[in-house]
Amino acid sequence: VQLVESGGGLVQAGGSLRLSCEVSGRIFSAYAIGWFRQAPGKEREFVAAISWSGGSTNYDASVKGRFIASRDNAKNTVYLQMNSLKSEDTAVYYCNYATLSGIPTDITPWGQGTQVTVSS
């Protein structure tokens, strides 16, 4: 089981990016896929989650209305569309199996993540 993040980069404040999380190996459809981020000197925090089968989503208040999680089950890929980016969104973004409420599981170890840098 492996989850690989991609799509990060450098973007100006107010811009957009779309992150991808490709899931390989066994699919644990009872769990959601969560997006998390870790800024320098800070703890990893929950950003968003989407259920694998039902399409339910949950967002942290800091990104609600700006970020949209979606999935393509045929490609075993989950996306995070990030709009109206702010400098405080700068972080390494990770995906992992999680509860819809944002608690990560230990099904897989954390991957390398993808760096998102928002310039002001």
PDB file of N, CA and C in Angstrom:
ATOM      1  N   VAL A   1       0.860  -1.189   0.000  1.00  0.00           N
ATOM      2  CA  VAL A   1       0.000   0.000   0.000  1.00  0.00           C
ATOM      3  C   VAL A   1       0.891   1.233   0.000  1.00  0.00           C
ATOM      4  N   GLN A   2       0.644   2.122  -0.932  1.00  0.00           N
ATOM      5  CA  GLN A   2       1.475   3.313  -1.039  1.00  0.00           C
ATOM      6  C   GLN A   2       0.634   4.481  -1.517  1.00  0.00           C
ATOM      7  N   LEU A   3       0.862   5.631  -0.928  1.00  0.00           N
ATOM      8  CA  LEU A   3       0.222   6.858  -1.362  1.00  0.00           C
ATOM      9  C   LEU A   3       1.321   7.843  -1.745  1.00  0.00           C
ATOM     10  N   VAL A   4       1.221   8.411  -2.946  1.00  0.00           N
ATOM     11  CA  VAL A   4       2.248   9.309  -3.445  1.00  0.00           C
ATOM     12  C   VAL A   4       1.631  10.645  -3.807  1.00  0.00           C
ATOM     13  N   GLU A   5       2.143  11.695  -3.186  1.00  0.00           N
ATOM     14  CA  GLU A   5       1.649  13.045  -3.427  1.00  0.00           C
ATOM     15  C   GLU A   5       2.430  13.713  -4.560  1.00  0.00           C
ATOM     16  N   SER A   6       1.747  14.570  -5.290  1.00  0.00           N
ATOM     17  CA  SER A   6       2.400  15.355  -6.333  1.00  0.00           C
ATOM     18  C   SER A   6       1.590  16.610  -6.600  1.00  0.00           C
ATOM     19  N   GLY A   7       2.190  17.523  -7.358  1.00  0.00           N
ATOM     20  CA  GLY A   7       1.455  18.700  -7.790  1.00  0.00           C
ATOM     21  C   GLY A   7       1.797  19.985  -7.074  1.00  0.00           C
ATOM     22  N   GLY A   8       2.679  19.912  -6.094  1.00  0.00           N
ATOM     23  CA  GLY A   8       3.049  21.125  -5.386  1.00  0.00           C
ATOM     24  C   GLY A   8       3.899  22.048  -6.252  1.00  0.00           C
ATOM     25  N   GLY A   9       4.174  23.216  -5.717  1.00  0.00           N
ATOM     26  CA  GLY A   9       4.995  24.168  -6.445  1.00  0.00           C
ATOM     27  C   GLY A   9       4.954  25.529  -5.804  1.00  0.00           C
ATOM     28  N   LEU A  10       5.473  26.497  -6.546  1.00  0.00           N
ATOM     29  CA  LEU A  10       5.503  27.887  -6.088  1.00  0.00           C
ATOM     30  C   LEU A  10       4.404  28.659  -6.806  1.00  0.00           C
ATOM     31  N   VAL A  11       3.610  29.370  -6.051  1.00  0.00           N
ATOM     32  CA  VAL A  11       2.500  30.113  -6.632  1.00  0.00           C
ATOM     33  C   VAL A  11       2.342  31.432  -5.878  1.00  0.00           C
ATOM     34  N   GLN A  12       1.855  32.437  -6.561  1.00  0.00           N
ATOM     35  CA  GLN A  12       1.622  33.723  -5.912  1.00  0.00           C
ATOM     36  C   GLN A  12       0.337  33.673  -5.088  1.00  0.00           C
ATOM     37  N   ALA A  13       0.288  34.506  -4.083  1.00  0.00           N
ATOM     38  CA  ALA A  13      -0.928  34.602  -3.279  1.00  0.00           C
ATOM     39  C   ALA A  13      -2.118  34.899  -4.186  1.00  0.00           C
ATOM     40  N   GLY A  14      -3.216  34.223  -3.923  1.00  0.00           N
ATOM     41  CA  GLY A  14      -4.404  34.363  -4.737  1.00  0.00           C
ATOM     42  C   GLY A  14      -4.488  33.350  -5.862  1.00  0.00           C
ATOM     43  N   GLY A  15      -3.399  32.640  -6.087  1.00  0.00           N
ATOM     44  CA  GLY A  15      -3.358  31.657  -7.164  1.00  0.00           C
ATOM     45  C   GLY A  15      -3.926  30.313  -6.747  1.00  0.00           C
ATOM     46  N   SER A  16      -3.786  29.340  -7.643  1.00  0.00           N
ATOM     47  CA  SER A  16      -4.352  28.006  -7.434  1.00  0.00           C
ATOM     48  C   SER A  16      -3.330  26.921  -7.737  1.00  0.00           C
ATOM     49  N   LEU A  17      -3.515  25.799  -7.111  1.00  0.00           N
ATOM     50  CA  LEU A  17      -2.742  24.587  -7.389  1.00  0.00           C
ATOM     51  C   LEU A  17      -3.665  23.397  -7.194  1.00  0.00           C
ATOM     52  N   ARG A  18      -3.371  22.303  -7.886  1.00  0.00           N
ATOM     53  CA  ARG A  18      -4.099  21.063  -7.657  1.00  0.00           C
ATOM     54  C   ARG A  18      -3.105  19.974  -7.278  1.00  0.00           C
ATOM     55  N   LEU A  19      -3.287  19.436  -6.104  1.00  0.00           N
ATOM     56  CA  LEU A  19      -2.456  18.336  -5.644  1.00  0.00           C
ATOM     57  C   LEU A  19      -3.119  17.006  -5.987  1.00  0.00           C
ATOM     58  N   SER A  20      -2.289  15.993  -6.207  1.00  0.00           N
ATOM     59  CA  SER A  20      -2.782  14.644  -6.483  1.00  0.00           C
ATOM     60  C   SER A  20      -2.217  13.672  -5.457  1.00  0.00           C
ATOM     61  N   CYS A  21      -3.007  12.672  -5.139  1.00  0.00           N
ATOM     62  CA  CYS A  21      -2.588  11.598  -4.235  1.00  0.00           C
ATOM     63  C   CYS A  21      -2.942  10.286  -4.919  1.00  0.00           C
ATOM     64  N   GLU A  22      -1.933   9.609  -5.433  1.00  0.00           N
ATOM     65  CA  GLU A  22      -2.158   8.348  -6.138  1.00  0.00           C
ATOM     66  C   GLU A  22      -1.998   7.200  -5.153  1.00  0.00           C
ATOM     67  N   VAL A  23      -3.020   6.370  -5.098  1.00  0.00           N
ATOM     68  CA  VAL A  23      -3.054   5.254  -4.158  1.00  0.00           C
ATOM     69  C   VAL A  23      -2.788   3.960  -4.903  1.00  0.00           C
ATOM     70  N   SER A  24      -1.805   3.207  -4.464  1.00  0.00           N
ATOM     71  CA  SER A  24      -1.503   1.929  -5.101  1.00  0.00           C
ATOM     72  C   SER A  24      -1.592   0.825  -4.051  1.00  0.00           C
ATOM     73  N   GLY A  25      -1.735  -0.403  -4.569  1.00  0.00           N
ATOM     74  CA  GLY A  25      -1.876  -1.537  -3.667  1.00  0.00           C
ATOM     75  C   GLY A  25      -3.319  -1.693  -3.224  1.00  0.00           C
ATOM     76  N   ARG A  26      -3.493  -2.378  -2.120  1.00  0.00           N
ATOM     77  CA  ARG A  26      -4.835  -2.635  -1.599  1.00  0.00           C
ATOM     78  C   ARG A  26      -5.536  -1.322  -1.238  1.00  0.00           C
ATOM     79  N   ILE A  27      -6.814  -1.241  -1.611  1.00  0.00           N
ATOM     80  CA  ILE A  27      -7.615  -0.055  -1.309  1.00  0.00           C
ATOM     81  C   ILE A  27      -8.451  -0.318  -0.052  1.00  0.00           C
ATOM     82  N   PHE A  28      -8.327   0.529   0.922  1.00  0.00           N
ATOM     83  CA  PHE A  28      -9.104   0.409   2.161  1.00  0.00           C
ATOM     84  C   PHE A  28     -10.282   1.371   2.061  1.00  0.00           C
ATOM     85  N   SER A  29     -11.307   0.914   1.367  1.00  0.00           N
ATOM     86  CA  SER A  29     -12.418   1.803   1.031  1.00  0.00           C
ATOM     87  C   SER A  29     -13.262   2.220   2.227  1.00  0.00           C
ATOM     88  N   ALA A  30     -13.080   1.569   3.354  1.00  0.00           N
ATOM     89  CA  ALA A  30     -13.840   1.950   4.547  1.00  0.00           C
ATOM     90  C   ALA A  30     -13.303   3.249   5.153  1.00  0.00           C
ATOM     91  N   TYR A  31     -12.123   3.633   4.742  1.00  0.00           N
ATOM     92  CA  TYR A  31     -11.509   4.846   5.272  1.00  0.00           C
ATOM     93  C   TYR A  31     -11.565   5.967   4.246  1.00  0.00           C
ATOM     94  N   ALA A  32     -11.441   7.151   4.740  1.00  0.00           N
ATOM     95  CA  ALA A  32     -11.307   8.309   3.878  1.00  0.00           C
ATOM     96  C   ALA A  32      -9.830   8.497   3.521  1.00  0.00           C
ATOM     97  N   ILE A  33      -9.601   9.370   2.574  1.00  0.00           N
ATOM     98  CA  ILE A  33      -8.249   9.842   2.297  1.00  0.00           C
ATOM     99  C   ILE A  33      -8.171  11.264   2.832  1.00  0.00           C
ATOM    100  N   GLY A  34      -7.225  11.502   3.684  1.00  0.00           N
ATOM    101  CA  GLY A  34      -7.069  12.819   4.276  1.00  0.00           C
ATOM    102  C   GLY A  34      -5.874  13.555   3.702  1.00  0.00           C
ATOM    103  N   TRP A  35      -6.023  14.848   3.641  1.00  0.00           N
ATOM    104  CA  TRP A  35      -4.904  15.726   3.297  1.00  0.00           C
ATOM    105  C   TRP A  35      -4.454  16.428   4.582  1.00  0.00           C
ATOM    106  N   PHE A  36      -3.153  16.466   4.758  1.00  0.00           N
ATOM    107  CA  PHE A  36      -2.567  17.089   5.926  1.00  0.00           C
ATOM    108  C   PHE A  36      -1.418  17.988   5.465  1.00  0.00           C
ATOM    109  N   ARG A  37      -1.015  18.912   6.305  1.00  0.00           N
ATOM    110  CA  ARG A  37       0.106  19.766   5.942  1.00  0.00           C
ATOM    111  C   ARG A  37       0.951  20.063   7.164  1.00  0.00           C
ATOM    112  N   GLN A  38       2.212  20.328   6.904  1.00  0.00           N
ATOM    113  CA  GLN A  38       3.136  20.664   7.972  1.00  0.00           C
ATOM    114  C   GLN A  38       4.007  21.831   7.530  1.00  0.00           C
ATOM    115  N   ALA A  39       3.853  22.936   8.225  1.00  0.00           N
ATOM    116  CA  ALA A  39       4.674  24.112   7.970  1.00  0.00           C
ATOM    117  C   ALA A  39       5.935  24.027   8.826  1.00  0.00           C
ATOM    118  N   PRO A  40       6.986  24.716   8.443  1.00  0.00           N
ATOM    119  CA  PRO A  40       8.230  24.687   9.225  1.00  0.00           C
ATOM    120  C   PRO A  40       7.990  25.080  10.674  1.00  0.00           C
ATOM    121  N   GLY A  41       8.479  24.247  11.576  1.00  0.00           N
ATOM    122  CA  GLY A  41       8.366  24.540  12.994  1.00  0.00           C
ATOM    123  C   GLY A  41       7.004  24.276  13.600  1.00  0.00           C
ATOM    124  N   LYS A  42       6.108  23.701  12.811  1.00  0.00           N
ATOM    125  CA  LYS A  42       4.747  23.444  13.314  1.00  0.00           C
ATOM    126  C   LYS A  42       4.413  21.959  13.234  1.00  0.00           C
ATOM    127  N   GLU A  43       3.389  21.577  13.963  1.00  0.00           N
ATOM    128  CA  GLU A  43       2.907  20.206  13.911  1.00  0.00           C
ATOM    129  C   GLU A  43       2.143  19.962  12.602  1.00  0.00           C
ATOM    130  N   ARG A  44       2.105  18.711  12.200  1.00  0.00           N
ATOM    131  CA  ARG A  44       1.279  18.355  11.039  1.00  0.00           C
ATOM    132  C   ARG A  44      -0.180  18.569  11.411  1.00  0.00           C
ATOM    133  N   GLU A  45      -0.938  19.144  10.504  1.00  0.00           N
ATOM    134  CA  GLU A  45      -2.342  19.447  10.796  1.00  0.00           C
ATOM    135  C   GLU A  45      -3.253  18.960   9.684  1.00  0.00           C
ATOM    136  N   PHE A  46      -4.477  18.724  10.073  1.00  0.00           N
ATOM    137  CA  PHE A  46      -5.507  18.264   9.133  1.00  0.00           C
ATOM    138  C   PHE A  46      -5.933  19.406   8.224  1.00  0.00           C
ATOM    139  N   VAL A  47      -6.155  19.067   6.949  1.00  0.00           N
ATOM    140  CA  VAL A  47      -6.617  20.055   5.974  1.00  0.00           C
ATOM    141  C   VAL A  47      -7.991  19.671   5.427  1.00  0.00           C
ATOM    142  N   ALA A  48      -8.104  18.447   4.912  1.00  0.00           N
ATOM    143  CA  ALA A  48      -9.354  18.030   4.285  1.00  0.00           C
ATOM    144  C   ALA A  48      -9.383  16.513   4.215  1.00  0.00           C
ATOM    145  N   ALA A  49     -10.572  15.959   4.059  1.00  0.00           N
ATOM    146  CA  ALA A  49     -10.722  14.516   3.896  1.00  0.00           C
ATOM    147  C   ALA A  49     -11.893  14.245   2.980  1.00  0.00           C
ATOM    148  N   ILE A  50     -11.800  13.148   2.253  1.00  0.00           N
ATOM    149  CA  ILE A  50     -12.893  12.724   1.377  1.00  0.00           C
ATOM    150  C   ILE A  50     -13.038  11.228   1.523  1.00  0.00           C
ATOM    151  N   SER A  51     -14.285  10.782   1.666  1.00  0.00           N
ATOM    152  CA  SER A  51     -14.515   9.353   1.793  1.00  0.00           C
ATOM    153  C   SER A  51     -14.245   8.664   0.471  1.00  0.00           C
ATOM    154  N   TRP A  52     -13.788   7.443   0.555  1.00  0.00           N
ATOM    155  CA  TRP A  52     -13.399   6.739  -0.665  1.00  0.00           C
ATOM    156  C   TRP A  52     -14.616   6.317  -1.485  1.00  0.00           C
ATOM    157  N   SER A  53     -15.661   5.931  -0.822  1.00  0.00           N
ATOM    158  CA  SER A  53     -16.803   5.383  -1.538  1.00  0.00           C
ATOM    159  C   SER A  53     -17.998   6.330  -1.617  1.00  0.00           C
ATOM    160  N   GLY A  54     -18.185   7.146  -0.592  1.00  0.00           N
ATOM    161  CA  GLY A  54     -19.412   7.932  -0.547  1.00  0.00           C
ATOM    162  C   GLY A  54     -19.304   9.353  -1.041  1.00  0.00           C
ATOM    163  N   GLY A  55     -18.078   9.853  -1.200  1.00  0.00           N
ATOM    164  CA  GLY A  55     -17.932  11.221  -1.670  1.00  0.00           C
ATOM    165  C   GLY A  55     -18.157  12.269  -0.608  1.00  0.00           C
ATOM    166  N   SER A  56     -18.269  11.876   0.650  1.00  0.00           N
ATOM    167  CA  SER A  56     -18.420  12.864   1.718  1.00  0.00           C
ATOM    168  C   SER A  56     -17.092  13.557   1.938  1.00  0.00           C
ATOM    169  N   THR A  57     -17.169  14.833   2.305  1.00  0.00           N
ATOM    170  CA  THR A  57     -15.959  15.604   2.542  1.00  0.00           C
ATOM    171  C   THR A  57     -16.017  16.325   3.877  1.00  0.00           C
ATOM    172  N   ASN A  58     -14.852  16.688   4.349  1.00  0.00           N
ATOM    173  CA  ASN A  58     -14.725  17.464   5.577  1.00  0.00           C
ATOM    174  C   ASN A  58     -13.515  18.366   5.421  1.00  0.00           C
ATOM    175  N   TYR A  59     -13.627  19.596   5.877  1.00  0.00           N
ATOM    176  CA  TYR A  59     -12.541  20.563   5.705  1.00  0.00           C
ATOM    177  C   TYR A  59     -12.241  21.264   7.021  1.00  0.00           C
ATOM    178  N   ASP A  60     -10.976  21.580   7.211  1.00  0.00           N
ATOM    179  CA  ASP A  60     -10.623  22.440   8.323  1.00  0.00           C
ATOM    180  C   ASP A  60     -11.166  23.835   8.034  1.00  0.00           C
ATOM    181  N   ALA A  61     -11.506  24.553   9.079  1.00  0.00           N
ATOM    182  CA  ALA A  61     -12.099  25.874   8.907  1.00  0.00           C
ATOM    183  C   ALA A  61     -11.184  26.823   8.142  1.00  0.00           C
ATOM    184  N   SER A  62      -9.871  26.616   8.256  1.00  0.00           N
ATOM    185  CA  SER A  62      -8.929  27.531   7.608  1.00  0.00           C
ATOM    186  C   SER A  62      -8.930  27.425   6.091  1.00  0.00           C
ATOM    187  N   VAL A  63      -9.461  26.335   5.547  1.00  0.00           N
ATOM    188  CA  VAL A  63      -9.445  26.146   4.098  1.00  0.00           C
ATOM    189  C   VAL A  63     -10.843  26.004   3.503  1.00  0.00           C
ATOM    190  N   LYS A  64     -11.839  25.925   4.356  1.00  0.00           N
ATOM    191  CA  LYS A  64     -13.201  25.726   3.872  1.00  0.00           C
ATOM    192  C   LYS A  64     -13.600  26.883   2.971  1.00  0.00           C
ATOM    193  N   GLY A  65     -14.161  26.538   1.808  1.00  0.00           N
ATOM    194  CA  GLY A  65     -14.543  27.549   0.832  1.00  0.00           C
ATOM    195  C   GLY A  65     -13.447  27.879  -0.160  1.00  0.00           C
ATOM    196  N   ARG A  66     -12.213  27.428   0.122  1.00  0.00           N
ATOM    197  CA  ARG A  66     -11.092  27.683  -0.788  1.00  0.00           C
ATOM    198  C   ARG A  66     -10.547  26.386  -1.385  1.00  0.00           C
ATOM    199  N   PHE A  67     -10.548  25.330  -0.612  1.00  0.00           N
ATOM    200  CA  PHE A  67     -10.008  24.046  -1.068  1.00  0.00           C
ATOM    201  C   PHE A  67     -11.158  23.083  -1.350  1.00  0.00           C
ATOM    202  N   ILE A  68     -10.950  22.250  -2.354  1.00  0.00           N
ATOM    203  CA  ILE A  68     -11.950  21.247  -2.714  1.00  0.00           C
ATOM    204  C   ILE A  68     -11.269  19.901  -2.904  1.00  0.00           C
ATOM    205  N   ALA A  69     -11.716  18.899  -2.149  1.00  0.00           N
ATOM    206  CA  ALA A  69     -11.206  17.535  -2.308  1.00  0.00           C
ATOM    207  C   ALA A  69     -12.121  16.769  -3.259  1.00  0.00           C
ATOM    208  N   SER A  70     -11.512  15.981  -4.116  1.00  0.00           N
ATOM    209  CA  SER A  70     -12.300  15.157  -5.039  1.00  0.00           C
ATOM    210  C   SER A  70     -11.546  13.856  -5.267  1.00  0.00           C
ATOM    211  N   ARG A  71     -12.186  12.921  -5.948  1.00  0.00           N
ATOM    212  CA  ARG A  71     -11.519  11.644  -6.172  1.00  0.00           C
ATOM    213  C   ARG A  71     -11.906  11.102  -7.530  1.00  0.00           C
ATOM    214  N   ASP A  72     -11.030  10.280  -8.076  1.00  0.00           N
ATOM    215  CA  ASP A  72     -11.300   9.551  -9.319  1.00  0.00           C
ATOM    216  C   ASP A  72     -11.005   8.096  -9.000  1.00  0.00           C
ATOM    217  N   ASN A  73     -12.053   7.354  -8.666  1.00  0.00           N
ATOM    218  CA  ASN A  73     -11.846   5.972  -8.243  1.00  0.00           C
ATOM    219  C   ASN A  73     -11.256   5.117  -9.362  1.00  0.00           C
ATOM    220  N   ALA A  74     -11.538   5.437 -10.594  1.00  0.00           N
ATOM    221  CA  ALA A  74     -11.001   4.658 -11.712  1.00  0.00           C
ATOM    222  C   ALA A  74      -9.484   4.782 -11.776  1.00  0.00           C
ATOM    223  N   LYS A  75      -8.981   5.916 -11.318  1.00  0.00           N
ATOM    224  CA  LYS A  75      -7.535   6.142 -11.329  1.00  0.00           C
ATOM    225  C   LYS A  75      -6.916   5.957  -9.945  1.00  0.00           C
ATOM    226  N   ASN A  76      -7.748   5.595  -8.971  1.00  0.00           N
ATOM    227  CA  ASN A  76      -7.258   5.466  -7.584  1.00  0.00           C
ATOM    228  C   ASN A  76      -6.495   6.714  -7.161  1.00  0.00           C
ATOM    229  N   THR A  77      -7.046   7.852  -7.479  1.00  0.00           N
ATOM    230  CA  THR A  77      -6.383   9.122  -7.216  1.00  0.00           C
ATOM    231  C   THR A  77      -7.347  10.085  -6.534  1.00  0.00           C
ATOM    232  N   VAL A  78      -6.815  10.771  -5.539  1.00  0.00           N
ATOM    233  CA  VAL A  78      -7.559  11.802  -4.823  1.00  0.00           C
ATOM    234  C   VAL A  78      -6.878  13.137  -5.097  1.00  0.00           C
ATOM    235  N   TYR A  79      -7.679  14.168  -5.250  1.00  0.00           N
ATOM    236  CA  TYR A  79      -7.154  15.490  -5.586  1.00  0.00           C
ATOM    237  C   TYR A  79      -7.491  16.498  -4.491  1.00  0.00           C
ATOM    238  N   LEU A  80      -6.679  17.540  -4.433  1.00  0.00           N
ATOM    239  CA  LEU A  80      -6.982  18.675  -3.576  1.00  0.00           C
ATOM    240  C   LEU A  80      -6.800  19.935  -4.423  1.00  0.00           C
ATOM    241  N   GLN A  81      -7.909  20.529  -4.827  1.00  0.00           N
ATOM    242  CA  GLN A  81      -7.869  21.778  -5.569  1.00  0.00           C
ATOM    243  C   GLN A  81      -7.767  22.914  -4.557  1.00  0.00           C
ATOM    244  N   MET A  82      -6.721  23.683  -4.665  1.00  0.00           N
ATOM    245  CA  MET A  82      -6.472  24.767  -3.715  1.00  0.00           C
ATOM    246  C   MET A  82      -6.582  26.093  -4.447  1.00  0.00           C
ATOM    247  N   ASN A  83      -7.553  26.891  -4.059  1.00  0.00           N
ATOM    248  CA  ASN A  83      -7.798  28.194  -4.664  1.00  0.00           C
ATOM    249  C   ASN A  83      -7.569  29.304  -3.655  1.00  0.00           C
ATOM    250  N   SER A  84      -7.418  30.507  -4.167  1.00  0.00           N
ATOM    251  CA  SER A  84      -7.238  31.681  -3.301  1.00  0.00           C
ATOM    252  C   SER A  84      -6.163  31.430  -2.253  1.00  0.00           C
ATOM    253  N   LEU A  85      -5.037  30.926  -2.713  1.00  0.00           N
ATOM    254  CA  LEU A  85      -3.972  30.545  -1.786  1.00  0.00           C
ATOM    255  C   LEU A  85      -3.414  31.747  -1.046  1.00  0.00           C
ATOM    256  N   LYS A  86      -3.060  31.484   0.211  1.00  0.00           N
ATOM    257  CA  LYS A  86      -2.494  32.511   1.085  1.00  0.00           C
ATOM    258  C   LYS A  86      -1.091  32.080   1.519  1.00  0.00           C
ATOM    259  N   SER A  87      -0.317  33.033   1.986  1.00  0.00           N
ATOM    260  CA  SER A  87       1.043  32.705   2.418  1.00  0.00           C
ATOM    261  C   SER A  87       1.028  31.676   3.544  1.00  0.00           C
ATOM    262  N   GLU A  88      -0.019  31.718   4.370  1.00  0.00           N
ATOM    263  CA  GLU A  88      -0.088  30.762   5.481  1.00  0.00           C
ATOM    264  C   GLU A  88      -0.431  29.345   5.036  1.00  0.00           C
ATOM    265  N   ASP A  89      -0.716  29.160   3.750  1.00  0.00           N
ATOM    266  CA  ASP A  89      -0.921  27.810   3.215  1.00  0.00           C
ATOM    267  C   ASP A  89       0.401  27.139   2.869  1.00  0.00           C
ATOM    268  N   THR A  90       1.490  27.883   2.947  1.00  0.00           N
ATOM    269  CA  THR A  90       2.805  27.320   2.650  1.00  0.00           C
ATOM    270  C   THR A  90       3.131  26.191   3.623  1.00  0.00           C
ATOM    271  N   ALA A  91       3.418  25.017   3.068  1.00  0.00           N
ATOM    272  CA  ALA A  91       3.682  23.834   3.885  1.00  0.00           C
ATOM    273  C   ALA A  91       4.012  22.667   2.971  1.00  0.00           C
ATOM    274  N   VAL A  92       4.442  21.579   3.576  1.00  0.00           N
ATOM    275  CA  VAL A  92       4.518  20.308   2.866  1.00  0.00           C
ATOM    276  C   VAL A  92       3.174  19.614   3.072  1.00  0.00           C
ATOM    277  N   TYR A  93       2.574  19.199   1.982  1.00  0.00           N
ATOM    278  CA  TYR A  93       1.271  18.567   2.015  1.00  0.00           C
ATOM    279  C   TYR A  93       1.404  17.054   1.856  1.00  0.00           C
ATOM    280  N   TYR A  94       0.663  16.340   2.675  1.00  0.00           N
ATOM    281  CA  TYR A  94       0.683  14.889   2.686  1.00  0.00           C
ATOM    282  C   TYR A  94      -0.729  14.344   2.544  1.00  0.00           C
ATOM    283  N   CYS A  95      -0.828  13.141   2.016  1.00  0.00           N
ATOM    284  CA  CYS A  95      -2.102  12.431   2.041  1.00  0.00           C
ATOM    285  C   CYS A  95      -1.890  11.109   2.760  1.00  0.00           C
ATOM    286  N   ASN A  96      -2.961  10.612   3.335  1.00  0.00           N
ATOM    287  CA  ASN A  96      -2.891   9.344   4.049  1.00  0.00           C
ATOM    288  C   ASN A  96      -4.304   8.853   4.294  1.00  0.00           C
ATOM    289  N   TYR A  97      -4.432   7.572   4.552  1.00  0.00           N
ATOM    290  CA  TYR A  97      -5.714   7.055   5.003  1.00  0.00           C
ATOM    291  C   TYR A  97      -6.052   7.713   6.339  1.00  0.00           C
ATOM    292  N   ALA A  98      -7.320   8.064   6.497  1.00  0.00           N
ATOM    293  CA  ALA A  98      -7.738   8.788   7.694  1.00  0.00           C
ATOM    294  C   ALA A  98      -9.225   8.590   7.919  1.00  0.00           C
ATOM    295  N   THR A  99      -9.683   9.002   9.072  1.00  0.00           N
ATOM    296  CA  THR A  99     -11.124   9.087   9.292  1.00  0.00           C
ATOM    297  C   THR A  99     -11.621  10.360   8.627  1.00  0.00           C
ATOM    298  N   LEU A 100     -12.889  10.415   8.344  1.00  0.00           N
ATOM    299  CA  LEU A 100     -13.444  11.613   7.724  1.00  0.00           C
ATOM    300  C   LEU A 100     -13.291  12.821   8.651  1.00  0.00           C
ATOM    301  N   SER A 101     -13.197  12.573   9.925  1.00  0.00           N
ATOM    302  CA  SER A 101     -13.031  13.671  10.885  1.00  0.00           C
ATOM    303  C   SER A 101     -11.605  14.190  10.940  1.00  0.00           C
ATOM    304  N   GLY A 102     -10.675  13.481  10.255  1.00  0.00           N
ATOM    305  CA  GLY A 102      -9.326  14.014  10.166  1.00  0.00           C
ATOM    306  C   GLY A 102      -8.274  13.342  11.021  1.00  0.00           C
ATOM    307  N   ILE A 103      -8.561  12.162  11.523  1.00  0.00           N
ATOM    308  CA  ILE A 103      -7.574  11.425  12.304  1.00  0.00           C
ATOM    309  C   ILE A 103      -6.823  10.477  11.374  1.00  0.00           C
ATOM    310  N   PRO A 104      -5.517  10.637  11.209  1.00  0.00           N
ATOM    311  CA  PRO A 104      -4.786   9.740  10.311  1.00  0.00           C
ATOM    312  C   PRO A 104      -4.690   8.331  10.889  1.00  0.00           C
ATOM    313  N   THR A 105      -4.645   7.350  10.008  1.00  0.00           N
ATOM    314  CA  THR A 105      -4.476   5.970  10.444  1.00  0.00           C
ATOM    315  C   THR A 105      -3.007   5.581  10.327  1.00  0.00           C
ATOM    316  N   ASP A 106      -2.706   4.388  10.778  1.00  0.00           N
ATOM    317  CA  ASP A 106      -1.336   3.877  10.641  1.00  0.00           C
ATOM    318  C   ASP A 106      -1.281   2.776   9.592  1.00  0.00           C
ATOM    319  N   ILE A 107      -2.218   2.818   8.649  1.00  0.00           N
ATOM    320  CA  ILE A 107      -2.222   1.810   7.586  1.00  0.00           C
ATOM    321  C   ILE A 107      -0.955   1.903   6.751  1.00  0.00           C
ATOM    322  N   THR A 108      -0.560   3.121   6.453  1.00  0.00           N
ATOM    323  CA  THR A 108       0.663   3.329   5.687  1.00  0.00           C
ATOM    324  C   THR A 108       1.511   4.403   6.379  1.00  0.00           C
ATOM    325  N   PRO A 109       2.809   4.348   6.206  1.00  0.00           N
ATOM    326  CA  PRO A 109       3.639   5.417   6.752  1.00  0.00           C
ATOM    327  C   PRO A 109       3.451   6.701   5.937  1.00  0.00           C
ATOM    328  N   TRP A 110       3.828   7.805   6.493  1.00  0.00           N
ATOM    329  CA  TRP A 110       3.762   9.055   5.757  1.00  0.00           C
ATOM    330  C   TRP A 110       4.732   9.023   4.582  1.00  0.00           C
ATOM    331  N   GLY A 111       4.298   9.596   3.457  1.00  0.00           N
ATOM    332  CA  GLY A 111       5.155   9.676   2.278  1.00  0.00           C
ATOM    333  C   GLY A 111       6.046  10.897   2.326  1.00  0.00           C
ATOM    334  N   GLN A 112       6.606  11.236   1.166  1.00  0.00           N
ATOM    335  CA  GLN A 112       7.516  12.376   1.074  1.00  0.00           C
ATOM    336  C   GLN A 112       6.781  13.704   1.116  1.00  0.00           C
ATOM    337  N   GLY A 113       5.527  13.683   0.730  1.00  0.00           N
ATOM    338  CA  GLY A 113       4.772  14.919   0.666  1.00  0.00           C
ATOM    339  C   GLY A 113       5.140  15.736  -0.563  1.00  0.00           C
ATOM    340  N   THR A 114       4.439  16.827  -0.744  1.00  0.00           N
ATOM    341  CA  THR A 114       4.717  17.730  -1.851  1.00  0.00           C
ATOM    342  C   THR A 114       4.707  19.160  -1.312  1.00  0.00           C
ATOM    343  N   GLN A 115       5.734  19.910  -1.673  1.00  0.00           N
ATOM    344  CA  GLN A 115       5.915  21.253  -1.119  1.00  0.00           C
ATOM    345  C   GLN A 115       5.029  22.260  -1.848  1.00  0.00           C
ATOM    346  N   VAL A 116       4.308  23.037  -1.088  1.00  0.00           N
ATOM    347  CA  VAL A 116       3.528  24.152  -1.620  1.00  0.00           C
ATOM    348  C   VAL A 116       4.074  25.426  -0.998  1.00  0.00           C
ATOM    349  N   THR A 117       4.483  26.343  -1.854  1.00  0.00           N
ATOM    350  CA  THR A 117       5.008  27.615  -1.382  1.00  0.00           C
ATOM    351  C   THR A 117       4.197  28.737  -2.010  1.00  0.00           C
ATOM    352  N   VAL A 118       3.627  29.576  -1.167  1.00  0.00           N
ATOM    353  CA  VAL A 118       2.810  30.687  -1.632  1.00  0.00           C
ATOM    354  C   VAL A 118       3.548  31.977  -1.328  1.00  0.00           C
ATOM    355  N   SER A 119       3.869  32.707  -2.370  1.00  0.00           N
ATOM    356  CA  SER A 119       4.588  33.966  -2.191  1.00  0.00           C
ATOM    357  C   SER A 119       3.597  35.117  -2.091  1.00  0.00           C
ATOM    358  N   SER A 120       3.878  36.027  -1.196  1.00  0.00           N
ATOM    359  CA  SER A 120       2.963  37.170  -0.996  1.00  0.00           C
ATOM    360  C   SER A 120       3.425  38.388  -1.777  1.00  0.00           C
TER     361      SER A 120
END
